[in-house]
Amino acid sequence: MKEKKSKDAHAFHFRIREIYRLHVIEGVCVSDLANKMGLSRSSIYRAITTFEFSNPLESSMMKKQSKDIKPEDYQKLLDELSSLKKKLSEERLRADFYEEMVAFGKDVYGIDLKKVGTK
């Protein structure tokens, strides 16, 4: 008896996973899924919600798979990456300059600027 319940549970999970995959990745609308599976639209929505609730990581990965990346999006990301790399190098240069100024102040004036204002 338990073996039958286990098989039924497995079939249920497989079915809601398939419904979710068809809807999210393939882009099949709920009405078409309801007709294809022989279920009501509310049952399809319930299956989608159940799958998202019980498998949050898998559902988020499936959602990421479904998005088509266009060449313009890719180019925007490359432009943003190069801009961020440039800003990072400028900030590193600024930090190095600050360190040199602190060391110069300590050597020339005998003032340890790193300890000023700390308790």
Foldseek 3Di string as FASTA:
>chain_A
DVVVVVVVVVVLLVVLVVLLLCCQAVVDDLVVVCVVVVHDSVVSVVSNVVCCVVPVVVSVVSNVNRDDDDPVNVVVVVVVVVVVVVVVVVVVVVVVVVVVVQVVCCVPVVDRVVCPPPD
